[in-house]
C-alpha atoms as a PDB file:
ATOM      1  CA  UNK A   1    -215.625 -99.026  54.097  1.00  0.00           C
ATOM      2  CA  UNK A   2    -215.417 -95.909  56.280  1.00  0.00           C
ATOM      3  CA  UNK A   3    -212.301 -93.726  56.141  1.00  0.00           C
ATOM      4  CA  UNK A   4    -211.337 -94.632  59.725  1.00  0.00           C
ATOM      5  CA  UNK A   5    -211.660 -98.363  58.926  1.00  0.00           C
ATOM      6  CA  UNK A   6    -209.427 -97.943  55.846  1.00  0.00           C
ATOM      7  CA  UNK A   7    -206.768 -96.163  57.913  1.00  0.00           C
ATOM      8  CA  UNK A   8    -206.677 -98.854  60.590  1.00  0.00           C
ATOM      9  CA  UNK A   9    -206.644-101.811  58.125  1.00  0.00           C
ATOM     10  CA  UNK A  10    -203.438-103.245  56.676  1.00  0.00           C
ATOM     11  CA  UNK A  11    -203.524-105.829  53.895  1.00  0.00           C
ATOM     12  CA  UNK A  12    -200.759-108.371  54.595  1.00  0.00           C
ATOM     13  CA  UNK A  13    -199.811-110.571  51.626  1.00  0.00           C
ATOM     14  CA  UNK A  14    -197.681-113.575  52.582  1.00  0.00           C
ATOM     15  CA  UNK A  15    -195.801-115.094  49.636  1.00  0.00           C
ATOM     16  CA  UNK A  16    -193.787-117.671  51.552  1.00  0.00           C
ATOM     17  CA  UNK A  17    -193.588-119.123  55.058  1.00  0.00           C
ATOM     18  CA  UNK A  18    -190.555-121.262  55.835  1.00  0.00           C
ATOM     19  CA  UNK A  19    -189.390-122.240  59.324  1.00  0.00           C
ATOM     20  CA  UNK A  20    -191.832-119.740  60.840  1.00  0.00           C
ATOM     21  CA  UNK A  21    -190.492-116.827  58.771  1.00  0.00           C
ATOM     22  CA  UNK A  22    -193.088-115.025  56.646  1.00  0.00           C
ATOM     23  CA  UNK A  23    -192.078-113.081  53.524  1.00  0.00           C
ATOM     24  CA  UNK A  24    -194.317-110.820  51.493  1.00  0.00           C
ATOM     25  CA  UNK A  25    -195.684-107.284  51.552  1.00  0.00           C
ATOM     26  CA  UNK A  26    -198.282-105.092  53.212  1.00  0.00           C
ATOM     27  CA  UNK A  27    -200.252-102.062  52.160  1.00  0.00           C
ATOM     28  CA  UNK A  28    -202.838 -99.596  53.376  1.00  0.00           C
ATOM     29  CA  UNK A  29    -205.234 -97.396  51.424  1.00  0.00           C
ATOM     30  CA  UNK A  30    -203.348 -94.357  52.781  1.00  0.00           C
ATOM     31  CA  UNK A  31    -199.845 -95.544  51.917  1.00  0.00           C
ATOM     32  CA  UNK A  32    -198.214 -94.476  48.673  1.00  0.00           C
ATOM     33  CA  UNK A  33    -196.422 -97.787  48.230  1.00  0.00           C
ATOM     34  CA  UNK A  34    -196.565-101.449  49.081  1.00  0.00           C
ATOM     35  CA  UNK A  35    -193.966-102.319  51.729  1.00  0.00           C
ATOM     36  CA  UNK A  36    -192.024-105.593  51.469  1.00  0.00           C
ATOM     37  CA  UNK A  37    -190.961-107.627  54.494  1.00  0.00           C
ATOM     38  CA  UNK A  38    -188.713-110.662  54.902  1.00  0.00           C
ATOM     39  CA  UNK A  39    -189.296-111.470  58.561  1.00  0.00           C
ATOM     40  CA  UNK A  40    -191.907-111.156  61.266  1.00  0.00           C
ATOM     41  CA  UNK A  41    -189.913-108.365  62.898  1.00  0.00           C
ATOM     42  CA  UNK A  42    -189.850-106.351  59.663  1.00  0.00           C
ATOM     43  CA  UNK A  43    -193.602-106.862  59.219  1.00  0.00           C
ATOM     44  CA  UNK A  44    -194.490-105.728  62.750  1.00  0.00           C
ATOM     45  CA  UNK A  45    -192.081-102.787  62.913  1.00  0.00           C
ATOM     46  CA  UNK A  46    -193.098-101.748  59.396  1.00  0.00           C
ATOM     47  CA  UNK A  47    -196.782-101.663  60.343  1.00  0.00           C
ATOM     48  CA  UNK A  48    -196.016 -99.827  63.599  1.00  0.00           C
ATOM     49  CA  UNK A  49    -193.966 -97.213  61.726  1.00  0.00           C
ATOM     50  CA  UNK A  50    -196.831 -96.639  59.270  1.00  0.00           C
ATOM     51  CA  UNK A  51    -199.316 -96.271  62.147  1.00  0.00           C
ATOM     52  CA  UNK A  52    -196.999 -93.682  63.699  1.00  0.00           C
ATOM     53  CA  UNK A  53    -196.746 -91.825  60.363  1.00  0.00           C
ATOM     54  CA  UNK A  54    -200.539 -91.677  60.087  1.00  0.00           C
ATOM     55  CA  UNK A  55    -200.914 -91.080  63.842  1.00  0.00           C
ATOM     56  CA  UNK A  56    -203.946 -93.359  63.717  1.00  0.00           C
ATOM     57  CA  UNK A  57    -205.068 -95.093  65.775  1.00  0.00           C
ATOM     58  CA  UNK A  58    -203.225 -93.006  68.305  1.00  0.00           C
ATOM     59  CA  UNK A  59    -201.015 -94.896  70.701  1.00  0.00           C
ATOM     60  CA  UNK A  60    -202.128 -95.004  74.334  1.00  0.00           C
ATOM     61  CA  UNK A  61    -198.454 -95.004  75.354  1.00  0.00           C
ATOM     62  CA  UNK A  62    -195.343 -93.823  73.569  1.00  0.00           C
ATOM     63  CA  UNK A  63    -193.014 -96.473  72.206  1.00  0.00           C
ATOM     64  CA  UNK A  64    -189.636 -96.207  73.856  1.00  0.00           C
ATOM     65  CA  UNK A  65    -186.945 -95.700  71.229  1.00  0.00           C
ATOM     66  CA  UNK A  66    -183.368 -94.540  70.979  1.00  0.00           C
ATOM     67  CA  UNK A  67    -184.313 -92.124  68.192  1.00  0.00           C
ATOM     68  CA  UNK A  68    -187.194 -89.761  67.511  1.00  0.00           C
ATOM     69  CA  UNK A  69    -189.769 -90.658  64.858  1.00  0.00           C
ATOM     70  CA  UNK A  70    -191.129 -87.902  62.601  1.00  0.00           C
ATOM     71  CA  UNK A  71    -194.920 -87.909  62.154  1.00  0.00           C
ATOM     72  CA  UNK A  72    -196.737 -86.782  59.018  1.00  0.00           C
ATOM     73  CA  UNK A  73    -200.312 -86.446  57.829  1.00  0.00           C
ATOM     74  CA  UNK A  74    -201.940 -89.317  55.887  1.00  0.00           C
ATOM     75  CA  UNK A  75    -201.642 -89.145  52.120  1.00  0.00           C
ATOM     76  CA  UNK A  76    -204.420 -89.479  49.565  1.00  0.00           C
ATOM     77  CA  UNK A  77    -206.320 -92.795  49.477  1.00  0.00           C
ATOM     78  CA  UNK A  78    -204.700 -95.349  47.123  1.00  0.00           C
ATOM     79  CA  UNK A  79    -206.288 -98.376  45.499  1.00  0.00           C
ATOM     80  CA  UNK A  80    -203.565-100.847  46.534  1.00  0.00           C
ATOM     81  CA  UNK A  81    -205.844-102.959  48.685  1.00  0.00           C
ATOM     82  CA  UNK A  82    -206.564-105.641  46.040  1.00  0.00           C
ATOM     83  CA  UNK A  83    -203.164-107.355  46.034  1.00  0.00           C
ATOM     84  CA  UNK A  84    -203.078-111.010  47.137  1.00  0.00           C
ATOM     85  CA  UNK A  85    -200.256-113.054  48.636  1.00  0.00           C
ATOM     86  CA  UNK A  86    -199.027-116.207  46.911  1.00  0.00           C
ATOM     87  CA  UNK A  87    -199.577-118.194  50.116  1.00  0.00           C
ATOM     88  CA  UNK A  88    -202.131-116.188  52.121  1.00  0.00           C
ATOM     89  CA  UNK A  89    -203.640-112.727  52.511  1.00  0.00           C
ATOM     90  CA  UNK A  90    -204.702-111.139  55.783  1.00  0.00           C
ATOM     91  CA  UNK A  91    -206.409-107.932  56.771  1.00  0.00           C
ATOM     92  CA  UNK A  92    -205.051-106.695  60.080  1.00  0.00           C
ATOM     93  CA  UNK A  93    -207.525-104.159  61.482  1.00  0.00           C
ATOM     94  CA  UNK A  94    -205.963-102.375  64.445  1.00  0.00           C
ATOM     95  CA  UNK A  95    -208.591-100.803  66.669  1.00  0.00           C
ATOM     96  CA  UNK A  96    -206.399 -99.765  69.580  1.00  0.00           C
ATOM     97  CA  UNK A  97    -202.738 -99.385  70.469  1.00  0.00           C
ATOM     98  CA  UNK A  98    -202.740 -99.818  74.230  1.00  0.00           C
ATOM     99  CA  UNK A  99    -200.207-101.243  76.682  1.00  0.00           C
ATOM    100  CA  UNK A 100    -197.516-100.927  74.007  1.00  0.00           C
ATOM    101  CA  UNK A 101    -199.327-103.479  71.854  1.00  0.00           C
ATOM    102  CA  UNK A 102    -202.164-103.740  69.305  1.00  0.00           C
ATOM    103  CA  UNK A 103    -205.731-104.885  69.709  1.00  0.00           C
ATOM    104  CA  UNK A 104    -208.055-105.587  66.789  1.00  0.00           C
ATOM    105  CA  UNK A 105    -209.140-108.186  64.247  1.00  0.00           C
ATOM    106  CA  UNK A 106    -207.325-110.475  61.833  1.00  0.00           C
ATOM    107  CA  UNK A 107    -209.211-111.620  58.740  1.00  0.00           C
ATOM    108  CA  UNK A 108    -207.863-114.550  56.713  1.00  0.00           C
ATOM    109  CA  UNK A 109    -209.070-113.450  53.293  1.00  0.00           C
ATOM    110  CA  UNK A 110    -208.908-116.799  51.487  1.00  0.00           C
ATOM    111  CA  UNK A 111    -210.991-118.559  54.165  1.00  0.00           C
ATOM    112  CA  UNK A 112    -213.252-115.603  55.024  1.00  0.00           C
ATOM    113  CA  UNK A 113    -212.507-116.134  58.721  1.00  0.00           C
ATOM    114  CA  UNK A 114    -212.011-113.375  61.270  1.00  0.00           C
ATOM    115  CA  UNK A 115    -210.614-113.579  64.804  1.00  0.00           C
ATOM    116  CA  UNK A 116    -209.966-110.868  67.353  1.00  0.00           C
ATOM    117  CA  UNK A 117    -206.558-110.404  68.957  1.00  0.00           C
ATOM    118  CA  UNK A 118    -205.682-108.679  72.219  1.00  0.00           C
ATOM    119  CA  UNK A 119    -201.940-108.312  71.672  1.00  0.00           C
ATOM    120  CA  UNK A 120    -199.304-108.557  68.960  1.00  0.00           C
ATOM    121  CA  UNK A 121    -198.283-111.927  70.416  1.00  0.00           C
ATOM    122  CA  UNK A 122    -201.822-113.235  69.940  1.00  0.00           C
ATOM    123  CA  UNK A 123    -201.802-111.814  66.384  1.00  0.00           C
ATOM    124  CA  UNK A 124    -198.584-113.740  65.690  1.00  0.00           C
ATOM    125  CA  UNK A 125    -200.116-116.984  66.986  1.00  0.00           C
ATOM    126  CA  UNK A 126    -203.219-116.515  64.798  1.00  0.00           C
ATOM    127  CA  UNK A 127    -201.157-115.802  61.665  1.00  0.00           C
ATOM    128  CA  UNK A 128    -198.864-118.742  62.398  1.00  0.00           C
ATOM    129  CA  UNK A 129    -201.860-121.037  62.809  1.00  0.00           C
ATOM    130  CA  UNK A 130    -203.281-119.996  59.427  1.00  0.00           C
ATOM    131  CA  UNK A 131    -199.933-120.096  57.624  1.00  0.00           C
ATOM    132  CA  UNK A 132    -199.043-123.489  59.084  1.00  0.00           C
ATOM    133  CA  UNK A 133    -202.351-124.873  57.770  1.00  0.00           C
ATOM    134  CA  UNK A 134    -201.741-123.338  54.341  1.00  0.00           C
ATOM    135  CA  UNK A 135    -198.106-124.504  54.200  1.00  0.00           C
ATOM    136  CA  UNK A 136    -199.028-128.092  55.038  1.00  0.00           C
ATOM    137  CA  UNK A 137    -201.717-128.162  52.328  1.00  0.00           C
ATOM    138  CA  UNK A 138    -199.799-126.275  49.613  1.00  0.00           C
ATOM    139  CA  UNK A 139    -197.394-128.645  47.777  1.00  0.00           C
ATOM    140  CA  UNK A 140    -195.335-125.674  46.532  1.00  0.00           C
ATOM    141  CA  UNK A 141    -194.546-124.512  50.095  1.00  0.00           C
END
């Protein structure tokens, strides 16, 4: 995988999905650590913060915030891309950050299926669709 593809790809590991609330972790080859999340908001803001830290892909528009966000250069490539979620694992490949949203591809690793998304809302619907299918099949969910 090319360096630019590694930078724009986040591995999202979902360990549980109850009442529409995903819990798990995400990582990127350029992040030093795996980041845990316990809600959809934490997942999305966590990914956005990491994209801002790497400054890649560059945002078409600035996110409006009450505070300033410090940017830094990407760190050395890490081999943390092999982790799997207990319930599902996704690769979120963000190609663009335009109109204060994300555009790219979502790959459902367990099923080998990939769909494009044109906004974060569409990304949420795709993940919910996959997780709802997995939750209804998995007796432990």
